[in-house]
C-alpha cells in the first residue's frame, strides 16, 4: 500500500492494486480508507482506484464530497469512478447532483471522466442533466449536452458531442444549424 503512494510507474501501481484486491477486504479496506486522508494526491487516487476494483459497498461512506471535489483532477476522477461503483441505490440521485455540480471542470479528459461517471449512473442522471442544460454558463451547458448524448448513446464520440453541443449553445436552441444528409 505504501508503494502505491509513491510508485511513478502506472503499470507497477496497477499490479500493486491487483495484488491488494486479492487480499481479504477486512485487511485492505481500513488501510485504504486511511490512505484517502493522505496529503499525497497519488496515495488518495490510488486508494480510490483500488476501492473501485474491490467493489465492497461498505466503503461507500469513505467517498466524501471533499474527494469528489478534490482540487487534484486525478483524485477527483478516481473518486468519481469509485463512487459510481460503490454508491448504494438509494443515494444515486444525490451522487448525480454532486457530480453535476462540476460540469465544465478541467480539460477534455476530466470532462470525459465526469460524463462517463454520470452516464454510468443511468437514468437517475437525467434530471441533473436537464437542469444543467439551462445553466447560465455556456461551458456547463455544452458539457451537460455532451453528457446527455453520451448517456443516450454510449458509443457516440465524446468530442463530436462536445463540438455539436458547443455549437448549439453558441447559436441558441432556436437557431440550431440544419444537418446535412
N, C-alpha and C. Protein backbone atom coordinates (compact mmCIF):
# COMPACT_ATOMS: atom_id res chain seq x y z
N UNK A 1 0.83 -1.19 0.00
CA UNK A 1 0.00 0.00 0.00
C UNK A 1 0.87 1.25 0.00
N UNK A 2 1.91 1.24 0.79
CA UNK A 2 2.80 2.40 0.86
C UNK A 2 3.46 2.66 -0.49
N UNK A 3 3.77 1.61 -1.21
CA UNK A 3 4.42 1.77 -2.52
C UNK A 3 3.47 2.42 -3.54
N UNK A 4 2.19 2.13 -3.44
CA UNK A 4 1.20 2.74 -4.34
C UNK A 4 1.23 4.27 -4.25
N UNK A 5 1.52 4.78 -3.09
CA UNK A 5 1.51 6.23 -2.86
C UNK A 5 2.66 6.95 -3.54
N UNK A 6 3.73 6.21 -3.86
CA UNK A 6 4.91 6.88 -4.41
C UNK A 6 5.40 6.29 -5.72
N UNK A 7 4.90 5.15 -6.12
CA UNK A 7 5.38 4.47 -7.33
C UNK A 7 5.07 5.31 -8.58
N UNK A 8 6.10 5.68 -9.36
CA UNK A 8 5.86 6.52 -10.53
C UNK A 8 5.31 5.75 -11.74
N UNK A 9 5.54 4.45 -11.82
CA UNK A 9 5.14 3.67 -12.98
C UNK A 9 3.69 3.19 -12.85
N UNK A 10 2.85 3.61 -13.77
CA UNK A 10 1.43 3.25 -13.75
C UNK A 10 1.25 1.74 -13.73
N UNK A 11 2.00 1.01 -14.54
CA UNK A 11 1.81 -0.43 -14.64
C UNK A 11 2.19 -1.14 -13.34
N UNK A 12 3.19 -0.65 -12.66
CA UNK A 12 3.55 -1.22 -11.36
C UNK A 12 2.43 -0.95 -10.36
N UNK A 13 1.91 0.29 -10.37
CA UNK A 13 0.79 0.62 -9.46
C UNK A 13 -0.41 -0.27 -9.75
N UNK A 14 -0.66 -0.53 -11.03
CA UNK A 14 -1.80 -1.38 -11.39
C UNK A 14 -1.60 -2.81 -10.88
N UNK A 15 -0.38 -3.31 -10.95
CA UNK A 15 -0.10 -4.65 -10.42
C UNK A 15 -0.24 -4.66 -8.89
N UNK A 16 0.19 -3.59 -8.25
CA UNK A 16 0.02 -3.50 -6.80
C UNK A 16 -1.46 -3.49 -6.43
N UNK A 17 -2.25 -2.75 -7.20
CA UNK A 17 -3.71 -2.73 -6.98
C UNK A 17 -4.28 -4.13 -7.14
N UNK A 18 -3.86 -4.82 -8.20
CA UNK A 18 -4.34 -6.19 -8.43
C UNK A 18 -4.02 -7.06 -7.22
N UNK A 19 -2.81 -6.93 -6.69
CA UNK A 19 -2.42 -7.74 -5.52
C UNK A 19 -3.28 -7.38 -4.31
N UNK A 20 -3.55 -6.09 -4.12
CA UNK A 20 -4.38 -5.68 -2.98
C UNK A 20 -5.81 -6.20 -3.09
N UNK A 21 -6.31 -6.31 -4.32
CA UNK A 21 -7.68 -6.82 -4.48
C UNK A 21 -7.78 -8.30 -4.15
N UNK A 22 -6.66 -8.98 -4.11
CA UNK A 22 -6.66 -10.42 -3.81
C UNK A 22 -6.62 -10.70 -2.31
N UNK A 23 -6.35 -9.67 -1.52
CA UNK A 23 -6.32 -9.83 -0.06
C UNK A 23 -7.72 -9.70 0.51
N UNK A 24 -7.96 -10.24 1.69
CA UNK A 24 -9.29 -10.11 2.30
C UNK A 24 -9.63 -8.63 2.56
N UNK A 25 -10.86 -8.23 2.24
CA UNK A 25 -11.27 -6.83 2.43
C UNK A 25 -11.09 -6.34 3.87
N UNK A 26 -11.26 -7.22 4.85
CA UNK A 26 -11.10 -6.77 6.23
C UNK A 26 -9.66 -6.33 6.53
N UNK A 27 -8.73 -6.75 5.70
CA UNK A 27 -7.34 -6.31 5.85
C UNK A 27 -7.11 -5.01 5.06
N UNK A 28 -7.59 -4.98 3.82
CA UNK A 28 -7.27 -3.85 2.94
C UNK A 28 -8.15 -2.62 3.15
N UNK A 29 -9.44 -2.79 3.40
CA UNK A 29 -10.34 -1.63 3.47
C UNK A 29 -9.93 -0.60 4.52
N UNK A 30 -9.60 -1.00 5.75
CA UNK A 30 -9.19 0.03 6.72
C UNK A 30 -7.94 0.81 6.28
N UNK A 31 -6.99 0.11 5.66
CA UNK A 31 -5.77 0.77 5.21
C UNK A 31 -6.06 1.70 4.02
N UNK A 32 -6.94 1.27 3.14
CA UNK A 32 -7.31 2.12 2.01
C UNK A 32 -8.06 3.36 2.47
N UNK A 33 -8.95 3.19 3.44
CA UNK A 33 -9.67 4.36 3.98
C UNK A 33 -8.68 5.36 4.59
N UNK A 34 -7.67 4.86 5.27
CA UNK A 34 -6.66 5.74 5.86
C UNK A 34 -5.90 6.50 4.76
N UNK A 35 -5.63 5.84 3.65
CA UNK A 35 -4.91 6.48 2.55
C UNK A 35 -5.73 7.63 1.93
N UNK A 36 -7.03 7.57 2.05
CA UNK A 36 -7.89 8.63 1.50
C UNK A 36 -7.66 9.96 2.20
N UNK A 37 -7.06 9.93 3.38
CA UNK A 37 -6.77 11.16 4.13
C UNK A 37 -5.32 11.62 3.95
N UNK A 38 -4.59 10.95 3.07
CA UNK A 38 -3.18 11.27 2.85
C UNK A 38 -3.02 12.66 2.24
N UNK A 39 -1.91 13.27 2.52
CA UNK A 39 -1.56 14.54 1.90
C UNK A 39 -1.04 14.36 0.48
N UNK A 40 -0.74 13.13 0.11
CA UNK A 40 -0.26 12.84 -1.24
C UNK A 40 -1.44 12.54 -2.16
N UNK A 41 -1.54 13.29 -3.22
CA UNK A 41 -2.63 13.09 -4.17
C UNK A 41 -2.59 11.68 -4.77
N UNK A 42 -1.40 11.21 -5.10
CA UNK A 42 -1.29 9.87 -5.69
C UNK A 42 -1.79 8.80 -4.73
N UNK A 43 -1.53 8.95 -3.44
CA UNK A 43 -1.99 7.98 -2.45
C UNK A 43 -3.52 7.95 -2.43
N UNK A 44 -4.14 9.13 -2.44
CA UNK A 44 -5.61 9.20 -2.44
C UNK A 44 -6.18 8.59 -3.72
N UNK A 45 -5.60 8.98 -4.84
CA UNK A 45 -6.09 8.49 -6.13
C UNK A 45 -5.96 6.98 -6.24
N UNK A 46 -4.83 6.45 -5.85
CA UNK A 46 -4.62 5.01 -5.96
C UNK A 46 -5.51 4.24 -4.99
N UNK A 47 -5.72 4.78 -3.80
CA UNK A 47 -6.62 4.13 -2.85
C UNK A 47 -8.05 4.10 -3.40
N UNK A 48 -8.48 5.19 -4.00
CA UNK A 48 -9.81 5.23 -4.62
C UNK A 48 -9.92 4.22 -5.75
N UNK A 49 -8.88 4.16 -6.57
CA UNK A 49 -8.86 3.21 -7.67
C UNK A 49 -8.98 1.78 -7.15
N UNK A 50 -8.23 1.49 -6.11
CA UNK A 50 -8.26 0.15 -5.53
C UNK A 50 -9.62 -0.16 -4.93
N UNK A 51 -10.21 0.81 -4.25
CA UNK A 51 -11.56 0.61 -3.70
C UNK A 51 -12.56 0.30 -4.81
N UNK A 52 -12.43 0.97 -5.94
CA UNK A 52 -13.36 0.70 -7.05
C UNK A 52 -13.16 -0.70 -7.60
N UNK A 53 -11.94 -1.20 -7.57
CA UNK A 53 -11.67 -2.55 -8.07
C UNK A 53 -12.15 -3.60 -7.08
N UNK A 54 -12.04 -3.32 -5.79
CA UNK A 54 -12.52 -4.27 -4.78
C UNK A 54 -14.05 -4.32 -4.84
N UNK A 55 -14.68 -3.16 -4.96
CA UNK A 55 -16.13 -3.10 -5.13
C UNK A 55 -16.96 -3.39 -3.89
N UNK A 56 -16.36 -3.30 -2.73
CA UNK A 56 -17.08 -3.55 -1.48
C UNK A 56 -17.85 -2.29 -1.10
N UNK A 57 -19.18 -2.37 -1.17
CA UNK A 57 -20.01 -1.20 -0.94
C UNK A 57 -19.96 -0.68 0.50
N UNK A 58 -19.38 -1.42 1.39
CA UNK A 58 -19.24 -0.91 2.76
C UNK A 58 -18.24 0.26 2.79
N UNK A 59 -17.47 0.42 1.73
CA UNK A 59 -16.51 1.52 1.64
C UNK A 59 -17.17 2.83 1.20
N UNK A 60 -18.43 2.80 0.82
CA UNK A 60 -19.12 3.99 0.31
C UNK A 60 -18.98 5.22 1.22
N UNK A 61 -19.17 5.10 2.54
CA UNK A 61 -19.06 6.30 3.38
C UNK A 61 -17.70 7.00 3.31
N UNK A 62 -16.68 6.30 2.85
CA UNK A 62 -15.35 6.91 2.73
C UNK A 62 -15.24 7.82 1.50
N UNK A 63 -16.19 7.73 0.59
CA UNK A 63 -16.18 8.56 -0.62
C UNK A 63 -16.89 9.87 -0.27
N UNK A 64 -16.12 10.80 0.23
CA UNK A 64 -16.66 12.05 0.75
C UNK A 64 -16.79 13.11 -0.35
N UNK A 65 -17.61 14.13 -0.10
CA UNK A 65 -17.67 15.24 -1.06
C UNK A 65 -16.31 15.89 -1.29
N UNK A 66 -15.47 15.94 -0.27
CA UNK A 66 -14.15 16.55 -0.47
C UNK A 66 -13.31 15.74 -1.47
N UNK A 67 -13.47 14.43 -1.50
CA UNK A 67 -12.78 13.63 -2.50
C UNK A 67 -13.40 13.83 -3.88
N UNK A 68 -14.72 13.89 -3.94
CA UNK A 68 -15.40 14.09 -5.22
C UNK A 68 -15.07 15.45 -5.84
N UNK A 69 -14.71 16.42 -4.99
CA UNK A 69 -14.38 17.77 -5.45
C UNK A 69 -12.90 18.09 -5.24
N UNK A 70 -12.07 17.07 -5.07
CA UNK A 70 -10.65 17.28 -4.79
C UNK A 70 -10.05 18.22 -5.83
N UNK A 71 -9.16 19.09 -5.39
CA UNK A 71 -8.51 20.04 -6.29
C UNK A 71 -7.63 19.34 -7.32
N UNK A 72 -7.13 18.18 -6.97
CA UNK A 72 -6.32 17.40 -7.91
C UNK A 72 -7.26 16.62 -8.83
N UNK A 73 -7.15 16.87 -10.12
CA UNK A 73 -8.05 16.23 -11.08
C UNK A 73 -7.98 14.71 -11.06
N UNK A 74 -6.78 14.15 -10.88
CA UNK A 74 -6.66 12.69 -10.85
C UNK A 74 -7.40 12.10 -9.65
N UNK A 75 -7.32 12.76 -8.52
CA UNK A 75 -8.03 12.29 -7.33
C UNK A 75 -9.53 12.38 -7.57
N UNK A 76 -9.99 13.51 -8.08
CA UNK A 76 -11.42 13.67 -8.33
C UNK A 76 -11.91 12.62 -9.33
N UNK A 77 -11.17 12.40 -10.41
CA UNK A 77 -11.57 11.40 -11.41
C UNK A 77 -11.66 10.01 -10.79
N UNK A 78 -10.68 9.66 -9.96
CA UNK A 78 -10.71 8.36 -9.28
C UNK A 78 -11.90 8.28 -8.33
N UNK A 79 -12.19 9.38 -7.66
CA UNK A 79 -13.33 9.41 -6.73
C UNK A 79 -14.64 9.23 -7.49
N UNK A 80 -14.77 9.85 -8.65
CA UNK A 80 -16.00 9.70 -9.45
C UNK A 80 -16.20 8.24 -9.85
N UNK A 81 -15.11 7.61 -10.33
CA UNK A 81 -15.22 6.20 -10.75
C UNK A 81 -15.56 5.31 -9.56
N UNK A 82 -14.90 5.53 -8.43
CA UNK A 82 -15.17 4.71 -7.24
C UNK A 82 -16.59 4.94 -6.75
N UNK A 83 -17.03 6.17 -6.75
CA UNK A 83 -18.37 6.49 -6.26
C UNK A 83 -19.44 5.77 -7.07
N UNK A 84 -19.30 5.76 -8.37
CA UNK A 84 -20.29 5.11 -9.24
C UNK A 84 -20.36 3.61 -8.95
N UNK A 85 -19.22 3.01 -8.64
CA UNK A 85 -19.19 1.57 -8.34
C UNK A 85 -19.78 1.29 -6.96
N UNK A 86 -19.52 2.16 -5.99
CA UNK A 86 -19.84 1.86 -4.60
C UNK A 86 -21.16 2.44 -4.09
N UNK A 87 -21.74 3.39 -4.80
CA UNK A 87 -22.92 4.09 -4.32
C UNK A 87 -24.10 3.14 -4.09
N UNK A 88 -24.75 3.23 -2.95
CA UNK A 88 -25.97 2.44 -2.73
C UNK A 88 -27.11 2.98 -3.61
N UNK A 89 -28.03 2.12 -3.94
CA UNK A 89 -29.13 2.51 -4.83
C UNK A 89 -29.87 3.75 -4.34
N UNK A 90 -30.09 3.87 -3.05
CA UNK A 90 -30.85 5.00 -2.50
C UNK A 90 -30.12 6.33 -2.54
N UNK A 91 -28.84 6.32 -2.92
CA UNK A 91 -28.06 7.56 -2.93
C UNK A 91 -27.56 7.94 -4.32
N UNK A 92 -28.05 7.25 -5.33
CA UNK A 92 -27.60 7.51 -6.70
C UNK A 92 -27.99 8.91 -7.19
N UNK A 93 -29.20 9.34 -6.86
CA UNK A 93 -29.64 10.68 -7.29
C UNK A 93 -28.80 11.76 -6.65
N UNK A 94 -28.50 11.62 -5.37
CA UNK A 94 -27.66 12.60 -4.67
C UNK A 94 -26.26 12.62 -5.26
N UNK A 95 -25.73 11.46 -5.61
CA UNK A 95 -24.41 11.41 -6.24
C UNK A 95 -24.46 12.11 -7.60
N UNK A 96 -25.50 11.88 -8.36
CA UNK A 96 -25.62 12.55 -9.67
C UNK A 96 -25.60 14.06 -9.50
N UNK A 97 -26.30 14.57 -8.51
CA UNK A 97 -26.32 16.02 -8.26
C UNK A 97 -24.94 16.52 -7.84
N UNK A 98 -24.25 15.74 -7.02
CA UNK A 98 -22.91 16.11 -6.56
C UNK A 98 -21.94 16.17 -7.74
N UNK A 99 -22.04 15.20 -8.62
CA UNK A 99 -21.16 15.17 -9.79
C UNK A 99 -21.50 16.29 -10.77
N UNK A 100 -22.78 16.52 -10.99
CA UNK A 100 -23.20 17.53 -11.96
C UNK A 100 -22.78 18.94 -11.55
N UNK A 101 -22.54 19.13 -10.28
CA UNK A 101 -22.07 20.44 -9.81
C UNK A 101 -20.70 20.79 -10.37
N UNK A 102 -20.05 19.82 -11.00
CA UNK A 102 -18.70 20.05 -11.53
C UNK A 102 -18.66 20.15 -13.05
N UNK A 103 -19.83 20.28 -13.68
CA UNK A 103 -19.84 20.45 -15.13
C UNK A 103 -18.96 21.62 -15.53
N UNK A 104 -18.18 21.43 -16.57
CA UNK A 104 -17.30 22.47 -17.06
C UNK A 104 -15.91 22.43 -16.45
N UNK A 105 -15.68 21.52 -15.51
CA UNK A 105 -14.38 21.44 -14.83
C UNK A 105 -13.35 20.80 -15.74
N UNK A 106 -12.17 21.38 -15.75
CA UNK A 106 -11.00 20.74 -16.32
C UNK A 106 -10.92 20.67 -17.83
N UNK A 107 -9.95 19.87 -18.26
CA UNK A 107 -9.71 19.69 -19.69
C UNK A 107 -10.59 18.58 -20.24
N UNK A 108 -10.35 18.21 -21.50
CA UNK A 108 -11.16 17.21 -22.17
C UNK A 108 -11.23 15.90 -21.39
N UNK A 109 -10.09 15.41 -20.90
CA UNK A 109 -10.05 14.14 -20.18
C UNK A 109 -10.85 14.19 -18.89
N UNK A 110 -10.76 15.28 -18.18
CA UNK A 110 -11.51 15.44 -16.93
C UNK A 110 -13.00 15.47 -17.24
N UNK A 111 -13.38 16.23 -18.24
CA UNK A 111 -14.80 16.32 -18.61
C UNK A 111 -15.34 14.98 -19.09
N UNK A 112 -14.55 14.27 -19.86
CA UNK A 112 -14.99 12.96 -20.32
C UNK A 112 -15.17 12.01 -19.14
N UNK A 113 -14.27 12.05 -18.17
CA UNK A 113 -14.40 11.20 -16.98
C UNK A 113 -15.68 11.52 -16.21
N UNK A 114 -15.96 12.80 -16.06
CA UNK A 114 -17.18 13.20 -15.36
C UNK A 114 -18.41 12.74 -16.14
N UNK A 115 -18.39 12.92 -17.44
CA UNK A 115 -19.51 12.49 -18.27
C UNK A 115 -19.72 10.99 -18.19
N UNK A 116 -18.64 10.24 -18.23
CA UNK A 116 -18.76 8.77 -18.13
C UNK A 116 -19.32 8.35 -16.78
N UNK A 117 -18.90 9.03 -15.71
CA UNK A 117 -19.42 8.69 -14.39
C UNK A 117 -20.92 8.95 -14.33
N UNK A 118 -21.34 10.09 -14.84
CA UNK A 118 -22.78 10.40 -14.84
C UNK A 118 -23.55 9.43 -15.73
N UNK A 119 -22.99 9.10 -16.88
CA UNK A 119 -23.65 8.15 -17.77
C UNK A 119 -23.76 6.77 -17.11
N UNK A 120 -22.76 6.40 -16.33
CA UNK A 120 -22.80 5.11 -15.64
C UNK A 120 -23.92 5.05 -14.60
N UNK A 121 -24.34 6.21 -14.11
CA UNK A 121 -25.46 6.23 -13.15
C UNK A 121 -26.79 5.99 -13.84
N UNK A 122 -26.82 6.13 -15.15
CA UNK A 122 -28.03 5.85 -15.91
C UNK A 122 -29.08 6.93 -15.79
N UNK A 123 -30.31 6.51 -15.81
CA UNK A 123 -31.45 7.44 -15.86
C UNK A 123 -31.54 8.38 -14.66
N UNK A 124 -30.94 8.02 -13.53
CA UNK A 124 -31.01 8.92 -12.37
C UNK A 124 -30.27 10.23 -12.65
N UNK A 125 -29.39 10.24 -13.66
CA UNK A 125 -28.67 11.46 -14.00
C UNK A 125 -29.50 12.41 -14.86
N UNK A 126 -30.58 11.93 -15.44
CA UNK A 126 -31.37 12.75 -16.37
C UNK A 126 -31.85 14.07 -15.77
N UNK A 127 -32.40 14.10 -14.56
CA UNK A 127 -32.86 15.39 -14.02
C UNK A 127 -31.74 16.42 -13.84
N UNK A 128 -30.56 15.99 -13.41
CA UNK A 128 -29.48 16.96 -13.23
C UNK A 128 -28.94 17.42 -14.57
N UNK A 129 -29.01 16.55 -15.56
CA UNK A 129 -28.59 16.95 -16.91
C UNK A 129 -29.55 18.00 -17.46
N UNK A 130 -30.83 17.76 -17.30
CA UNK A 130 -31.83 18.75 -17.77
C UNK A 130 -31.62 20.09 -17.08
N UNK A 131 -31.37 20.07 -15.79
CA UNK A 131 -31.14 21.32 -15.06
C UNK A 131 -29.89 22.03 -15.56
N UNK A 132 -28.82 21.29 -15.82
CA UNK A 132 -27.57 21.89 -16.27
C UNK A 132 -27.70 22.46 -17.68
N UNK A 133 -28.62 21.92 -18.47
CA UNK A 133 -28.83 22.45 -19.82
C UNK A 133 -29.36 23.87 -19.80
N UNK A 134 -29.92 24.29 -18.66
CA UNK A 134 -30.42 25.66 -18.51
C UNK A 134 -29.47 26.57 -17.74
N UNK A 135 -28.28 26.10 -17.46
CA UNK A 135 -27.30 26.87 -16.69
C UNK A 135 -26.88 28.12 -17.45
N UNK A 136 -26.52 29.18 -16.72
CA UNK A 136 -26.11 30.44 -17.36
C UNK A 136 -24.74 30.35 -18.05
N UNK A 137 -23.90 29.40 -17.63
CA UNK A 137 -22.56 29.26 -18.19
C UNK A 137 -22.61 28.36 -19.44
N UNK A 138 -22.22 28.87 -20.60
CA UNK A 138 -22.28 28.06 -21.82
C UNK A 138 -21.37 26.83 -21.77
N UNK A 139 -20.28 26.88 -21.02
CA UNK A 139 -19.40 25.72 -20.88
C UNK A 139 -20.12 24.60 -20.14
N UNK A 140 -20.85 24.96 -19.11
CA UNK A 140 -21.63 23.99 -18.34
C UNK A 140 -22.72 23.39 -19.23
N UNK A 141 -23.41 24.23 -19.98
CA UNK A 141 -24.47 23.74 -20.87
C UNK A 141 -23.92 22.78 -21.92
N UNK A 142 -22.79 23.14 -22.51
CA UNK A 142 -22.19 22.28 -23.54
C UNK A 142 -21.75 20.94 -22.94
N UNK A 143 -21.17 20.97 -21.75
CA UNK A 143 -20.73 19.74 -21.10
C UNK A 143 -21.94 18.87 -20.76
N UNK A 144 -22.99 19.49 -20.25
CA UNK A 144 -24.21 18.73 -19.93
C UNK A 144 -24.83 18.13 -21.18
N UNK A 145 -24.84 18.87 -22.26
CA UNK A 145 -25.41 18.37 -23.51
C UNK A 145 -24.61 17.19 -24.04
N UNK A 146 -23.28 17.30 -24.00
CA UNK A 146 -22.44 16.19 -24.44
C UNK A 146 -22.65 14.96 -23.55
N UNK A 147 -22.82 15.19 -22.26
CA UNK A 147 -23.07 14.08 -21.33
C UNK A 147 -24.41 13.42 -21.62
N UNK A 148 -25.40 14.23 -21.91
CA UNK A 148 -26.72 13.70 -22.24
C UNK A 148 -26.65 12.82 -23.49
N UNK A 149 -25.90 13.25 -24.48
CA UNK A 149 -25.73 12.44 -25.69
C UNK A 149 -25.01 11.14 -25.37
N UNK A 150 -24.00 11.21 -24.51
CA UNK A 150 -23.26 10.02 -24.10
C UNK A 150 -24.17 9.06 -23.33
N UNK A 151 -25.05 9.60 -22.51
CA UNK A 151 -25.98 8.78 -21.75
C UNK A 151 -26.91 8.01 -22.68
N UNK A 152 -27.39 8.68 -23.72
CA UNK A 152 -28.33 8.06 -24.65
C UNK A 152 -27.66 7.21 -25.71
N UNK A 153 -26.39 7.49 -26.00
CA UNK A 153 -25.65 6.73 -26.99
C UNK A 153 -24.20 6.58 -26.52
N UNK A 154 -23.93 5.56 -25.70
CA UNK A 154 -22.58 5.38 -25.13
C UNK A 154 -21.49 5.22 -26.19
N UNK A 155 -21.86 4.82 -27.39
CA UNK A 155 -20.86 4.64 -28.44
C UNK A 155 -20.57 5.93 -29.20
N UNK A 156 -21.33 6.98 -28.92
CA UNK A 156 -21.12 8.25 -29.60
C UNK A 156 -19.76 8.82 -29.24
N UNK A 157 -19.18 9.51 -30.18
CA UNK A 157 -17.90 10.14 -29.92
C UNK A 157 -18.07 11.35 -29.01
N UNK A 158 -17.36 11.38 -27.90
CA UNK A 158 -17.48 12.49 -26.95
C UNK A 158 -17.06 13.81 -27.59
N UNK A 159 -15.98 13.80 -28.35
CA UNK A 159 -15.50 15.05 -28.96
C UNK A 159 -16.54 15.62 -29.91
N UNK A 160 -17.16 14.75 -30.72
CA UNK A 160 -18.20 15.23 -31.62
C UNK A 160 -19.40 15.78 -30.86
N UNK A 161 -19.75 15.09 -29.77
CA UNK A 161 -20.87 15.57 -28.95
C UNK A 161 -20.56 16.92 -28.33
N UNK A 162 -19.32 17.11 -27.87
CA UNK A 162 -18.92 18.39 -27.29
C UNK A 162 -18.95 19.48 -28.36
N UNK A 163 -18.40 19.17 -29.53
CA UNK A 163 -18.39 20.16 -30.61
C UNK A 163 -19.81 20.58 -30.99
N UNK A 164 -20.68 19.60 -31.15
CA UNK A 164 -22.07 19.91 -31.52
C UNK A 164 -22.77 20.67 -30.40
N UNK A 165 -22.56 20.24 -29.16
CA UNK A 165 -23.19 20.92 -28.03
C UNK A 165 -22.70 22.36 -27.92
N UNK A 166 -21.42 22.57 -28.15
CA UNK A 166 -20.87 23.93 -28.09
C UNK A 166 -21.49 24.80 -29.19
N UNK A 167 -21.64 24.24 -30.37
CA UNK A 167 -22.24 24.97 -31.48
C UNK A 167 -23.70 25.32 -31.18
N UNK A 168 -24.45 24.37 -30.65
CA UNK A 168 -25.86 24.61 -30.32
C UNK A 168 -25.98 25.67 -29.24
N UNK A 169 -25.11 25.58 -28.23
CA UNK A 169 -25.14 26.58 -27.15
C UNK A 169 -24.82 27.95 -27.71
N UNK A 170 -23.84 28.04 -28.61
CA UNK A 170 -23.45 29.33 -29.18
C UNK A 170 -24.56 29.92 -30.05
N UNK A 171 -25.23 29.05 -30.80
CA UNK A 171 -26.29 29.52 -31.70
C UNK A 171 -27.60 29.76 -30.96
N UNK A 172 -27.78 29.06 -29.87
CA UNK A 172 -29.05 29.12 -29.15
C UNK A 172 -29.95 27.99 -29.63
N UNK A 173 -30.86 27.54 -28.78
CA UNK A 173 -31.68 26.37 -29.12
C UNK A 173 -32.60 26.61 -30.31
N UNK A 174 -32.96 27.84 -30.59
CA UNK A 174 -33.88 28.11 -31.68
C UNK A 174 -33.16 28.32 -33.00
N UNK A 175 -31.81 28.34 -32.96
CA UNK A 175 -31.06 28.62 -34.17
C UNK A 175 -30.11 27.48 -34.50
N UNK A 176 -30.49 26.26 -34.18
CA UNK A 176 -29.64 25.12 -34.46
C UNK A 176 -29.41 24.99 -35.96
N UNK A 177 -28.17 24.68 -36.35
CA UNK A 177 -27.85 24.55 -37.75
C UNK A 177 -28.54 23.33 -38.32
N UNK A 178 -28.96 23.42 -39.58
CA UNK A 178 -29.55 22.23 -40.22
C UNK A 178 -28.46 21.19 -40.43
N UNK A 179 -28.84 19.95 -40.34
CA UNK A 179 -27.87 18.88 -40.54
C UNK A 179 -27.85 18.51 -42.02
N UNK A 180 -26.66 18.21 -42.52
CA UNK A 180 -26.53 17.81 -43.92
C UNK A 180 -26.80 16.32 -44.03
N UNK A 181 -27.31 15.91 -45.17
CA UNK A 181 -27.59 14.49 -45.40
C UNK A 181 -26.36 13.78 -45.91
